[in-house]
C-alpha atoms as a PDB file:
ATOM      1  CA  MET A   1      19.594  28.805 120.504  1.00  0.00           C
ATOM      2  CA  ARG A   2      20.496  26.997 117.272  1.00  0.00           C
ATOM      3  CA  MET A   3      18.822  28.785 114.360  1.00  0.00           C
ATOM      4  CA  LEU A   4      18.563  27.973 110.674  1.00  0.00           C
ATOM      5  CA  VAL A   5      17.717  31.149 108.722  1.00  0.00           C
ATOM      6  CA  SER A   6      16.525  30.838 105.133  1.00  0.00           C
ATOM      7  CA  GLY A   7      17.063  33.914 102.982  1.00  0.00           C
ATOM      8  CA  GLY A   8      19.533  35.220 105.534  1.00  0.00           C
ATOM      9  CA  ALA A   9      21.510  37.157 102.920  1.00  0.00           C
ATOM     10  CA  GLY A  10      18.420  39.096 101.907  1.00  0.00           C
ATOM     11  CA  PHE A  11      17.348  42.517 103.123  1.00  0.00           C
ATOM     12  CA  ILE A  12      15.209  41.614 106.148  1.00  0.00           C
ATOM     13  CA  GLY A  13      16.875  38.253 106.729  1.00  0.00           C
ATOM     14  CA  SER A  14      20.347  39.770 107.047  1.00  0.00           C
ATOM     15  CA  ALA A  15      19.104  42.356 109.560  1.00  0.00           C
ATOM     16  CA  PHE A  16      17.701  39.494 111.628  1.00  0.00           C
ATOM     17  CA  VAL A  17      20.921  37.458 111.333  1.00  0.00           C
ATOM     18  CA  ARG A  18      23.026  40.388 112.540  1.00  0.00           C
ATOM     19  CA  GLN A  19      20.749  40.824 115.555  1.00  0.00           C
ATOM     20  CA  ALA A  20      20.660  37.087 116.293  1.00  0.00           C
ATOM     21  CA  VAL A  21      24.452  36.851 116.260  1.00  0.00           C
ATOM     22  CA  GLY A  22      24.606  39.930 118.471  1.00  0.00           C
ATOM     23  CA  LYS A  23      22.406  38.126 121.003  1.00  0.00           C
ATOM     24  CA  GLY A  24      24.724  35.115 121.046  1.00  0.00           C
ATOM     25  CA  HIS A  25      22.629  32.647 119.022  1.00  0.00           C
ATOM     26  CA  ASN A  26      24.197  29.913 116.896  1.00  0.00           C
ATOM     27  CA  VAL A  27      23.138  30.798 113.344  1.00  0.00           C
ATOM     28  CA  ALA A  28      23.296  28.876 110.067  1.00  0.00           C
ATOM     29  CA  VAL A  29      22.175  30.735 106.938  1.00  0.00           C
ATOM     30  CA  VAL A  30      20.723  29.199 103.777  1.00  0.00           C
ATOM     31  CA  ASP A  31      20.461  31.466 100.748  1.00  0.00           C
ATOM     32  CA  LYS A  32      20.334  30.862  97.010  1.00  0.00           C
ATOM     33  CA  LEU A  33      22.096  34.205  96.401  1.00  0.00           C
ATOM     34  CA  THR A  34      19.842  35.300  93.576  1.00  0.00           C
ATOM     35  CA  TYR A  35      20.140  38.882  92.310  1.00  0.00           C
ATOM     36  CA  ALA A  36      18.692  40.206  95.606  1.00  0.00           C
ATOM     37  CA  GLY A  37      20.815  38.096  97.971  1.00  0.00           C
ATOM     38  CA  ASP A  38      24.201  39.517  98.921  1.00  0.00           C
ATOM     39  CA  LEU A  39      26.763  38.255 101.426  1.00  0.00           C
ATOM     40  CA  THR A  40      28.112  41.799 101.766  1.00  0.00           C
ATOM     41  CA  ARG A  41      25.165  42.379 104.115  1.00  0.00           C
ATOM     42  CA  LEU A  42      26.640  39.746 106.436  1.00  0.00           C
ATOM     43  CA  GLU A  43      30.306  40.766 106.294  1.00  0.00           C
ATOM     44  CA  GLU A  44      30.408  41.832 109.930  1.00  0.00           C
ATOM     45  CA  VAL A  45      29.120  38.450 111.150  1.00  0.00           C
ATOM     46  CA  MET A  46      30.494  35.990 108.553  1.00  0.00           C
ATOM     47  CA  ASP A  47      33.016  34.617 111.040  1.00  0.00           C
ATOM     48  CA  ASP A  48      30.181  33.877 113.461  1.00  0.00           C
ATOM     49  CA  ILE A  49      27.759  32.029 111.162  1.00  0.00           C
ATOM     50  CA  THR A  50      27.710  28.957 108.941  1.00  0.00           C
ATOM     51  CA  PHE A  51      26.639  29.710 105.388  1.00  0.00           C
ATOM     52  CA  TYR A  52      25.129  27.372 102.793  1.00  0.00           C
ATOM     53  CA  LYS A  53      24.431  28.431  99.231  1.00  0.00           C
ATOM     54  CA  ALA A  54      21.310  26.423  98.481  1.00  0.00           C
ATOM     55  CA  ASP A  55      17.917  26.507  96.801  1.00  0.00           C
ATOM     56  CA  ILE A  56      15.241  25.783  99.391  1.00  0.00           C
ATOM     57  CA  THR A  57      13.307  23.723  96.833  1.00  0.00           C
ATOM     58  CA  ASN A  58      16.188  21.198  96.848  1.00  0.00           C
ATOM     59  CA  LYS A  59      14.812  18.880  99.528  1.00  0.00           C
ATOM     60  CA  GLU A  60      17.752  16.491  99.576  1.00  0.00           C
ATOM     61  CA  PHE A  61      20.264  19.258 100.273  1.00  0.00           C
ATOM     62  CA  ILE A  62      17.972  20.939 102.801  1.00  0.00           C
ATOM     63  CA  GLU A  63      17.737  17.624 104.676  1.00  0.00           C
ATOM     64  CA  HIS A  64      21.535  17.423 104.642  1.00  0.00           C
ATOM     65  CA  ILE A  65      21.772  20.903 106.172  1.00  0.00           C
ATOM     66  CA  PHE A  66      19.245  20.035 108.885  1.00  0.00           C
ATOM     67  CA  ASN A  67      21.136  16.827 109.717  1.00  0.00           C
ATOM     68  CA  LYS A  68      24.390  18.737 110.024  1.00  0.00           C
ATOM     69  CA  GLU A  69      23.174  21.852 111.851  1.00  0.00           C
ATOM     70  CA  LYS A  70      20.401  20.313 114.002  1.00  0.00           C
ATOM     71  CA  PRO A  71      18.486  23.596 114.345  1.00  0.00           C
ATOM     72  CA  GLU A  72      16.076  24.187 117.199  1.00  0.00           C
ATOM     73  CA  VAL A  73      14.391  27.088 115.392  1.00  0.00           C
ATOM     74  CA  VAL A  74      13.828  27.663 111.675  1.00  0.00           C
ATOM     75  CA  VAL A  75      13.421  31.303 110.651  1.00  0.00           C
ATOM     76  CA  HIS A  76      12.022  31.379 107.119  1.00  0.00           C
ATOM     77  CA  PHE A  77      12.580  34.568 105.102  1.00  0.00           C
ATOM     78  CA  ALA A  78      13.594  33.170 101.697  1.00  0.00           C
ATOM     79  CA  ALA A  79      11.217  34.479  99.043  1.00  0.00           C
ATOM     80  CA  GLU A  80      10.864  36.261  95.751  1.00  0.00           C
ATOM     81  CA  SER A  81       9.386  39.541  96.926  1.00  0.00           C
ATOM     82  CA  HIS A  82       9.022  42.185  94.224  1.00  0.00           C
ATOM     83  CA  VAL A  83       5.458  42.814  93.047  1.00  0.00           C
ATOM     84  CA  ASP A  84       6.424  44.234  89.652  1.00  0.00           C
ATOM     85  CA  ARG A  85       8.577  41.205  88.898  1.00  0.00           C
ATOM     86  CA  SER A  86       5.698  38.898  89.824  1.00  0.00           C
ATOM     87  CA  LEU A  87       3.521  40.670  87.260  1.00  0.00           C
ATOM     88  CA  MET A  88       6.160  40.069  84.595  1.00  0.00           C
ATOM     89  CA  ASP A  89       6.822  36.412  85.469  1.00  0.00           C
ATOM     90  CA  PRO A  90       4.850  34.721  88.279  1.00  0.00           C
ATOM     91  CA  TYR A  91       6.576  31.337  88.025  1.00  0.00           C
ATOM     92  CA  PRO A  92       9.643  32.033  90.238  1.00  0.00           C
ATOM     93  CA  PHE A  93       7.319  33.351  92.945  1.00  0.00           C
ATOM     94  CA  ILE A  94       5.187  30.228  93.018  1.00  0.00           C
ATOM     95  CA  ASN A  95       8.247  27.985  92.890  1.00  0.00           C
ATOM     96  CA  SER A  96      10.279  29.684  95.627  1.00  0.00           C
ATOM     97  CA  ASN A  97       7.551  31.019  97.881  1.00  0.00           C
ATOM     98  CA  VAL A  98       5.189  28.038  97.782  1.00  0.00           C
ATOM     99  CA  MET A  99       7.289  24.997  96.917  1.00  0.00           C
ATOM    100  CA  GLY A 100      10.292  26.241  98.893  1.00  0.00           C
ATOM    101  CA  THR A 101       8.153  26.847 101.957  1.00  0.00           C
ATOM    102  CA  GLN A 102       6.611  23.386 101.639  1.00  0.00           C
ATOM    103  CA  VAL A 103      10.069  21.769 101.551  1.00  0.00           C
ATOM    104  CA  LEU A 104      11.227  23.617 104.669  1.00  0.00           C
ATOM    105  CA  LEU A 105       8.009  22.785 106.518  1.00  0.00           C
ATOM    106  CA  ASP A 106       8.180  19.141 105.497  1.00  0.00           C
ATOM    107  CA  VAL A 107      11.798  18.700 106.550  1.00  0.00           C
ATOM    108  CA  SER A 108      11.170  20.609 109.791  1.00  0.00           C
ATOM    109  CA  ARG A 109       8.283  18.260 110.564  1.00  0.00           C
ATOM    110  CA  THR A 110      10.605  15.251 110.542  1.00  0.00           C
ATOM    111  CA  LYS A 111      13.371  16.856 112.612  1.00  0.00           C
ATOM    112  CA  GLY A 112      11.494  17.789 115.786  1.00  0.00           C
ATOM    113  CA  ILE A 113      12.275  21.505 115.750  1.00  0.00           C
ATOM    114  CA  ASP A 114      11.014  23.718 118.575  1.00  0.00           C
ATOM    115  CA  LEU A 115       9.648  26.537 116.387  1.00  0.00           C
ATOM    116  CA  PHE A 116       9.168  27.440 112.719  1.00  0.00           C
ATOM    117  CA  MET A 117       8.881  31.203 112.140  1.00  0.00           C
ATOM    118  CA  ASN A 118       7.055  31.778 108.849  1.00  0.00           C
ATOM    119  CA  MET A 119       7.616  35.283 107.451  1.00  0.00           C
ATOM    120  CA  SER A 120       4.601  36.757 105.685  1.00  0.00           C
ATOM    121  CA  THR A 121       3.485  40.239 104.615  1.00  0.00           C
ATOM    122  CA  ASP A 122       0.628  42.689 105.000  1.00  0.00           C
ATOM    123  CA  GLU A 123      -0.007  42.294 101.271  1.00  0.00           C
ATOM    124  CA  VAL A 124      -1.782  38.975 101.868  1.00  0.00           C
ATOM    125  CA  TYR A 125      -4.735  40.971 103.257  1.00  0.00           C
ATOM    126  CA  GLY A 126      -5.322  42.843 100.009  1.00  0.00           C
ATOM    127  CA  ASP A 127      -5.970  46.555 100.345  1.00  0.00           C
ATOM    128  CA  LEU A 128      -7.984  49.043 102.385  1.00  0.00           C
ATOM    129  CA  GLY A 129      -9.807  52.270 101.710  1.00  0.00           C
ATOM    130  CA  LYS A 130      -8.948  55.417 103.615  1.00  0.00           C
ATOM    131  CA  ASP A 131     -10.233  53.955 106.892  1.00  0.00           C
ATOM    132  CA  GLY A 132      -9.773  50.749 108.837  1.00  0.00           C
ATOM    133  CA  THR A 133      -6.877  48.475 109.678  1.00  0.00           C
ATOM    134  CA  PHE A 134      -6.041  44.796 109.272  1.00  0.00           C
ATOM    135  CA  THR A 135      -6.087  42.509 112.293  1.00  0.00           C
ATOM    136  CA  GLU A 136      -4.785  38.954 112.386  1.00  0.00           C
ATOM    137  CA  GLU A 137      -8.387  37.814 111.876  1.00  0.00           C
ATOM    138  CA  SER A 138      -8.906  39.794 108.658  1.00  0.00           C
ATOM    139  CA  PRO A 139      -9.619  37.639 105.587  1.00  0.00           C
ATOM    140  CA  LEU A 140      -6.818  37.134 103.080  1.00  0.00           C
ATOM    141  CA  LYS A 141      -7.489  38.794  99.716  1.00  0.00           C
ATOM    142  CA  PRO A 142      -4.145  38.974  97.873  1.00  0.00           C
ATOM    143  CA  ASN A 143      -4.140  40.864  94.578  1.00  0.00           C
ATOM    144  CA  SER A 144      -0.821  40.117  92.851  1.00  0.00           C
ATOM    145  CA  PRO A 145       1.015  36.889  91.991  1.00  0.00           C
ATOM    146  CA  TYR A 146       3.551  37.818  94.678  1.00  0.00           C
ATOM    147  CA  SER A 147       0.985  38.304  97.436  1.00  0.00           C
ATOM    148  CA  VAL A 148      -0.905  35.179  96.350  1.00  0.00           C
ATOM    149  CA  SER A 149       2.307  33.156  96.662  1.00  0.00           C
ATOM    150  CA  LYS A 150       2.912  34.585 100.146  1.00  0.00           C
ATOM    151  CA  ALA A 151      -0.669  33.875 101.207  1.00  0.00           C
ATOM    152  CA  SER A 152      -0.175  30.302 100.004  1.00  0.00           C
ATOM    153  CA  ALA A 153       3.019  29.968 102.053  1.00  0.00           C
ATOM    154  CA  ASP A 154       1.172  31.495 104.994  1.00  0.00           C
ATOM    155  CA  MET A 155      -1.603  28.908 104.739  1.00  0.00           C
ATOM    156  CA  LEU A 156       0.869  26.059 104.320  1.00  0.00           C
ATOM    157  CA  GLY A 157       2.295  27.016 107.700  1.00  0.00           C
ATOM    158  CA  ARG A 158      -1.184  26.952 109.191  1.00  0.00           C
ATOM    159  CA  ALA A 159      -1.838  23.525 107.651  1.00  0.00           C
ATOM    160  CA  TYR A 160       1.374  22.042 109.018  1.00  0.00           C
ATOM    161  CA  TYR A 161       0.504  23.354 112.476  1.00  0.00           C
ATOM    162  CA  ARG A 162      -3.042  21.985 112.398  1.00  0.00           C
ATOM    163  CA  SER A 163      -2.401  18.753 110.514  1.00  0.00           C
ATOM    164  CA  PHE A 164       0.989  17.699 111.823  1.00  0.00           C
ATOM    165  CA  GLY A 165       1.467  19.653 115.045  1.00  0.00           C
ATOM    166  CA  LEU A 166       4.501  21.518 113.688  1.00  0.00           C
ATOM    167  CA  PRO A 167       5.039  24.539 115.978  1.00  0.00           C
ATOM    168  CA  VAL A 168       4.596  27.296 113.384  1.00  0.00           C
ATOM    169  CA  VAL A 169       4.283  30.973 114.249  1.00  0.00           C
ATOM    170  CA  THR A 170       3.465  33.473 111.482  1.00  0.00           C
ATOM    171  CA  VAL A 171       4.613  37.077 111.244  1.00  0.00           C
ATOM    172  CA  ARG A 172       2.925  39.509 108.849  1.00  0.00           C
ATOM    173  CA  ALA A 173       4.980  42.677 108.542  1.00  0.00           C
ATOM    174  CA  SER A 174       4.269  46.025 106.916  1.00  0.00           C
ATOM    175  CA  ASN A 175       6.518  47.562 104.233  1.00  0.00           C
ATOM    176  CA  ASN A 176      10.152  47.442 105.325  1.00  0.00           C
ATOM    177  CA  TYR A 177      12.784  50.011 104.418  1.00  0.00           C
ATOM    178  CA  GLY A 178      16.303  50.845 105.558  1.00  0.00           C
ATOM    179  CA  PRO A 179      19.993  50.239 104.774  1.00  0.00           C
ATOM    180  CA  TRP A 180      20.948  47.388 102.436  1.00  0.00           C
ATOM    181  CA  GLN A 181      17.583  47.235 100.658  1.00  0.00           C
ATOM    182  CA  TYR A 182      18.061  46.126  97.062  1.00  0.00           C
ATOM    183  CA  PRO A 183      17.765  49.174  94.795  1.00  0.00           C
ATOM    184  CA  GLU A 184      14.687  48.065  92.872  1.00  0.00           C
ATOM    185  CA  LYS A 185      12.347  48.877  95.755  1.00  0.00           C
ATOM    186  CA  PHE A 186      10.469  52.164  96.030  1.00  0.00           C
ATOM    187  CA  ILE A 187      12.561  54.096  98.561  1.00  0.00           C
ATOM    188  CA  PRO A 188      15.992  53.104  97.138  1.00  0.00           C
ATOM    189  CA  VAL A 189      14.729  53.981  93.655  1.00  0.00           C
ATOM    190  CA  ILE A 190      13.785  57.455  94.860  1.00  0.00           C
ATOM    191  CA  ILE A 191      17.134  57.979  96.591  1.00  0.00           C
ATOM    192  CA  LEU A 192      19.310  56.794  93.729  1.00  0.00           C
ATOM    193  CA  LYS A 193      17.438  58.567  90.958  1.00  0.00           C
ATOM    194  CA  ALA A 194      17.326  61.793  92.965  1.00  0.00           C
ATOM    195  CA  MET A 195      21.071  61.612  93.606  1.00  0.00           C
ATOM    196  CA  ASN A 196      21.630  61.273  89.858  1.00  0.00           C
ATOM    197  CA  GLY A 197      19.185  64.054  88.978  1.00  0.00           C
ATOM    198  CA  GLU A 198      16.934  61.574  87.161  1.00  0.00           C
ATOM    199  CA  LYS A 199      13.146  61.552  87.036  1.00  0.00           C
ATOM    200  CA  ILE A 200      11.533  59.610  89.885  1.00  0.00           C
ATOM    201  CA  PRO A 201       8.651  57.376  88.748  1.00  0.00           C
ATOM    202  CA  ILE A 202       5.547  57.687  90.955  1.00  0.00           C
ATOM    203  CA  TYR A 203       2.719  55.270  90.185  1.00  0.00           C
ATOM    204  CA  GLY A 204      -0.686  56.798  89.440  1.00  0.00           C
ATOM    205  CA  ASP A 205      -1.259  60.037  91.360  1.00  0.00           C
ATOM    206  CA  GLY A 206       1.012  59.060  94.267  1.00  0.00           C
ATOM    207  CA  THR A 207      -1.789  58.714  96.813  1.00  0.00           C
ATOM    208  CA  ASN A 208      -1.338  54.990  97.471  1.00  0.00           C
ATOM    209  CA  ILE A 209      -0.544  54.576 101.165  1.00  0.00           C
ATOM    210  CA  ARG A 210       1.903  52.203 102.829  1.00  0.00           C
ATOM    211  CA  GLU A 211       2.809  51.615 106.465  1.00  0.00           C
ATOM    212  CA  TRP A 212       6.590  51.980 106.694  1.00  0.00           C
ATOM    213  CA  LEU A 213       8.569  49.828 109.143  1.00  0.00           C
ATOM    214  CA  TYR A 214      12.294  50.358 109.675  1.00  0.00           C
ATOM    215  CA  VAL A 215      14.056  47.056 108.979  1.00  0.00           C
ATOM    216  CA  GLU A 216      15.902  46.886 112.312  1.00  0.00           C
ATOM    217  CA  ASP A 217      12.567  47.265 114.109  1.00  0.00           C
ATOM    218  CA  CYS A 218      11.116  44.455 112.010  1.00  0.00           C
ATOM    219  CA  ALA A 219      14.029  42.171 112.893  1.00  0.00           C
ATOM    220  CA  SER A 220      13.660  42.924 116.599  1.00  0.00           C
ATOM    221  CA  GLY A 221       9.928  42.211 116.360  1.00  0.00           C
ATOM    222  CA  ILE A 222      10.575  38.831 114.789  1.00  0.00           C
ATOM    223  CA  MET A 223      13.107  38.002 117.495  1.00  0.00           C
ATOM    224  CA  ALA A 224      10.575  38.961 120.166  1.00  0.00           C
ATOM    225  CA  VAL A 225       7.973  36.673 118.573  1.00  0.00           C
ATOM    226  CA  ILE A 226      10.459  33.797 118.481  1.00  0.00           C
ATOM    227  CA  GLU A 227      11.306  34.324 122.149  1.00  0.00           C
ATOM    228  CA  LYS A 228       7.824  34.983 123.522  1.00  0.00           C
ATOM    229  CA  GLY A 229       5.239  34.193 120.835  1.00  0.00           C
ATOM    230  CA  LYS A 230       2.931  31.205 120.864  1.00  0.00           C
ATOM    231  CA  ALA A 231       2.985  28.444 118.254  1.00  0.00           C
ATOM    232  CA  GLY A 232      -0.055  28.470 115.984  1.00  0.00           C
ATOM    233  CA  GLU A 233      -0.510  32.227 116.345  1.00  0.00           C
ATOM    234  CA  ILE A 234      -0.228  35.033 113.806  1.00  0.00           C
ATOM    235  CA  TYR A 235       1.352  38.350 114.744  1.00  0.00           C
ATOM    236  CA  ASN A 236       1.085  41.591 112.766  1.00  0.00           C
ATOM    237  CA  ILE A 237       4.245  43.689 113.014  1.00  0.00           C
ATOM    238  CA  GLY A 238       3.673  47.293 112.035  1.00  0.00           C
ATOM    239  CA  SER A 239       4.741  50.826 112.879  1.00  0.00           C
ATOM    240  CA  LYS A 240       1.602  52.955 112.406  1.00  0.00           C
ATOM    241  CA  GLU A 241       3.824  55.183 110.241  1.00  0.00           C
ATOM    242  CA  GLU A 242       1.523  55.485 107.218  1.00  0.00           C
ATOM    243  CA  ARG A 243       2.569  57.699 104.324  1.00  0.00           C
ATOM    244  CA  PRO A 244       1.270  58.262 100.763  1.00  0.00           C
ATOM    245  CA  ASN A 245       3.928  57.404  98.207  1.00  0.00           C
ATOM    246  CA  ILE A 246       4.167  61.017  97.085  1.00  0.00           C
ATOM    247  CA  GLU A 247       4.954  62.130 100.651  1.00  0.00           C
ATOM    248  CA  VAL A 248       7.704  59.495 100.916  1.00  0.00           C
ATOM    249  CA  ALA A 249       9.245  60.821  97.716  1.00  0.00           C
ATOM    250  CA  LYS A 250       9.039  64.407  98.970  1.00  0.00           C
ATOM    251  CA  ALA A 251      10.716  63.445 102.255  1.00  0.00           C
ATOM    252  CA  VAL A 252      13.652  61.884 100.423  1.00  0.00           C
ATOM    253  CA  LEU A 253      14.012  64.844  98.071  1.00  0.00           C
ATOM    254  CA  THR A 254      13.988  67.245 101.018  1.00  0.00           C
ATOM    255  CA  ILE A 255      16.774  65.350 102.799  1.00  0.00           C
ATOM    256  CA  LEU A 256      18.858  65.331  99.625  1.00  0.00           C
ATOM    257  CA  GLY A 257      18.101  68.976  98.857  1.00  0.00           C
ATOM    258  CA  LYS A 258      16.581  68.111  95.494  1.00  0.00           C
ATOM    259  CA  ASP A 259      13.749  69.797  93.617  1.00  0.00           C
ATOM    260  CA  LYS A 260      10.270  68.271  93.758  1.00  0.00           C
ATOM    261  CA  ASP A 261      10.099  68.662  89.975  1.00  0.00           C
ATOM    262  CA  LEU A 262      12.079  65.418  89.714  1.00  0.00           C
ATOM    263  CA  MET A 263       8.884  63.498  90.466  1.00  0.00           C
ATOM    264  CA  GLU A 264       7.222  62.036  87.392  1.00  0.00           C
ATOM    265  CA  PHE A 265       3.827  60.329  87.491  1.00  0.00           C
ATOM    266  CA  VAL A 266       3.669  57.109  85.476  1.00  0.00           C
ATOM    267  CA  LYS A 267       0.989  54.614  84.546  1.00  0.00           C
ATOM    268  CA  ASP A 268      -0.232  52.690  87.583  1.00  0.00           C
ATOM    269  CA  ARG A 269       0.577  49.003  87.765  1.00  0.00           C
ATOM    270  CA  PRO A 270      -2.234  46.411  87.415  1.00  0.00           C
ATOM    271  CA  GLY A 271      -4.148  45.646  90.607  1.00  0.00           C
ATOM    272  CA  HIS A 272      -2.215  48.226  92.639  1.00  0.00           C
ATOM    273  CA  ASP A 273      -3.432  48.047  96.253  1.00  0.00           C
ATOM    274  CA  PHE A 274      -4.449  51.454  97.580  1.00  0.00           C
ATOM    275  CA  ARG A 275      -3.581  51.207 101.270  1.00  0.00           C
ATOM    276  CA  TYR A 276      -2.158  48.826 103.876  1.00  0.00           C
ATOM    277  CA  SER A 277      -2.496  49.315 107.620  1.00  0.00           C
ATOM    278  CA  LEU A 278      -1.776  46.781 110.367  1.00  0.00           C
ATOM    279  CA  ASP A 279      -3.217  46.554 113.859  1.00  0.00           C
ATOM    280  CA  ALA A 280      -0.159  45.502 115.884  1.00  0.00           C
ATOM    281  CA  SER A 281      -1.903  45.531 119.281  1.00  0.00           C
ATOM    282  CA  LYS A 282      -1.684  41.744 119.615  1.00  0.00           C
ATOM    283  CA  VAL A 283       2.099  41.587 119.375  1.00  0.00           C
ATOM    284  CA  LYS A 284       2.345  44.431 121.874  1.00  0.00           C
ATOM    285  CA  ALA A 285       0.007  42.742 124.364  1.00  0.00           C
ATOM    286  CA  GLU A 286       1.309  39.183 124.057  1.00  0.00           C
ATOM    287  CA  VAL A 287       4.972  39.709 123.220  1.00  0.00           C
ATOM    288  CA  GLY A 288       5.670  43.216 124.493  1.00  0.00           C
ATOM    289  CA  TRP A 289       7.054  44.551 121.192  1.00  0.00           C
ATOM    290  CA  THR A 290       6.487  47.931 119.578  1.00  0.00           C
ATOM    291  CA  ALA A 291       8.369  49.705 116.782  1.00  0.00           C
ATOM    292  CA  LYS A 292      10.924  52.228 118.046  1.00  0.00           C
ATOM    293  CA  THR A 293      11.925  54.160 114.937  1.00  0.00           C
ATOM    294  CA  SER A 294       9.833  57.051 113.625  1.00  0.00           C
ATOM    295  CA  PHE A 295       9.564  57.457 109.874  1.00  0.00           C
ATOM    296  CA  GLU A 296      11.456  60.767 110.038  1.00  0.00           C
ATOM    297  CA  GLU A 297      14.357  59.142 111.886  1.00  0.00           C
ATOM    298  CA  GLY A 298      14.343  56.004 109.751  1.00  0.00           C
ATOM    299  CA  ILE A 299      14.205  57.739 106.382  1.00  0.00           C
ATOM    300  CA  LYS A 300      17.093  60.044 107.372  1.00  0.00           C
ATOM    301  CA  LYS A 301      19.207  57.036 108.409  1.00  0.00           C
ATOM    302  CA  THR A 302      18.309  55.283 105.181  1.00  0.00           C
ATOM    303  CA  VAL A 303      19.176  58.182 102.888  1.00  0.00           C
ATOM    304  CA  ASP A 304      22.456  58.779 104.730  1.00  0.00           C
ATOM    305  CA  TRP A 305      23.365  55.108 104.386  1.00  0.00           C
ATOM    306  CA  TYR A 306      22.821  55.080 100.627  1.00  0.00           C
ATOM    307  CA  VAL A 307      24.802  58.275 100.167  1.00  0.00           C
ATOM    308  CA  SER A 308      27.769  56.698 101.977  1.00  0.00           C
ATOM    309  CA  HIS A 309      27.492  53.268 100.303  1.00  0.00           C
ATOM    310  CA  MET A 310      27.404  54.183  96.646  1.00  0.00           C
ATOM    311  CA  ASN A 311      30.096  51.615  95.815  1.00  0.00           C
ATOM    312  CA  TRP A 312      27.669  48.838  96.765  1.00  0.00           C
ATOM    313  CA  VAL A 313      24.883  50.493  94.830  1.00  0.00           C
ATOM    314  CA  GLU A 314      26.975  50.992  91.700  1.00  0.00           C
ATOM    315  CA  GLU A 315      27.541  47.235  91.526  1.00  0.00           C
ATOM    316  CA  LYS A 316      23.792  46.785  91.080  1.00  0.00           C
ATOM    317  CA  LYS A 317      22.982  49.648  88.731  1.00  0.00           C
ATOM    318  CA  ALA A 318      24.047  48.109  85.415  1.00  0.00           C
ATOM    319  CA  TYR A 319      21.599  45.262  85.955  1.00  0.00           C
ATOM    320  CA  LEU A 320      18.830  47.504  87.218  1.00  0.00           C
ATOM    321  CA  SER A 321      18.989  50.171  84.530  1.00  0.00           C
ATOM    322  CA  GLU A 322      17.405  47.861  81.971  1.00  0.00           C
ATOM    323  CA  TYR A 323      14.906  46.588  84.533  1.00  0.00           C
ATOM    324  CA  TRP A 324      13.749  50.106  85.420  1.00  0.00           C
ATOM    325  CA  LYS A 325      13.147  50.871  81.742  1.00  0.00           C
ATOM    326  CA  ARG A 326      10.807  47.886  81.500  1.00  0.00           C
ATOM    327  CA  ALA A 327       9.185  48.146  84.940  1.00  0.00           C
ATOM    328  CA  TYR A 328       8.238  51.799  84.709  1.00  0.00           C
ATOM    329  CA  ALA A 329       7.535  52.050  80.988  1.00  0.00           C
ATOM    330  CA  GLU A 330       4.281  53.801  80.232  1.00  0.00           C
END
């Protein structure tokens, strides 16, 4: 299968690319290589892929790539994806996540591709109380500029399917974690600050709940949807591994042998969703996919990876130190 993967040097995109190459697919990767994109994630497969450094909002260059690569399947990951950053400056999120998605959909429409996989997130649903779970039929109620931009991209995919017959399938995944995640996200922040004996910022009282999906499971779920999913459908990909943020922090500290006193509660961010939970029964019934990695197994693998890849992390820390001061300031 000839695949064009946008955002393939990102966290989830690179996990998918590695799996796709492992399955023998012909893969071309398009990535702008912003601060969160990193070709180091693709080192083991660089000889087996074609890479283009490109902004997906550049329609002329995207058309050139399509003409050269002639993809059968477009797998669209490219996105600005950090909620805190979207609260500081929404513009890049609207530009990349909405306009970039529109360009890829529009070019795909003219090239007769077999499938367009549109990557979305559980955050488009808004938040839940202590009970309930989101199904694919739940209304979209995004609460941050980031999640609004993803909901917009999500709906653009729906529009291109309904209006133009473009074979779009949408995947909404729960919170991913694992090796190679950029160290501004919650779990890497905990790991790195704990390793350095620094205070770990916990929003509010730490009771906000997320459903944690190991990144390799997410990538395998997306591959299963591409292989067996139906165009025009939406598939939730989740793990049922729900944890309050404070429990995630405690799990990391326990693995590292660090004192719980390192946790520091900080002012909650605006519009902070309380809980996400996905009903993934549809993808299990129609595609035959379920998550394989328990949270306990996944978090241990993740912590061990960061401990053994500090050289990669150190390259990012100078940039992030100033960001953390601003992002978690009270």
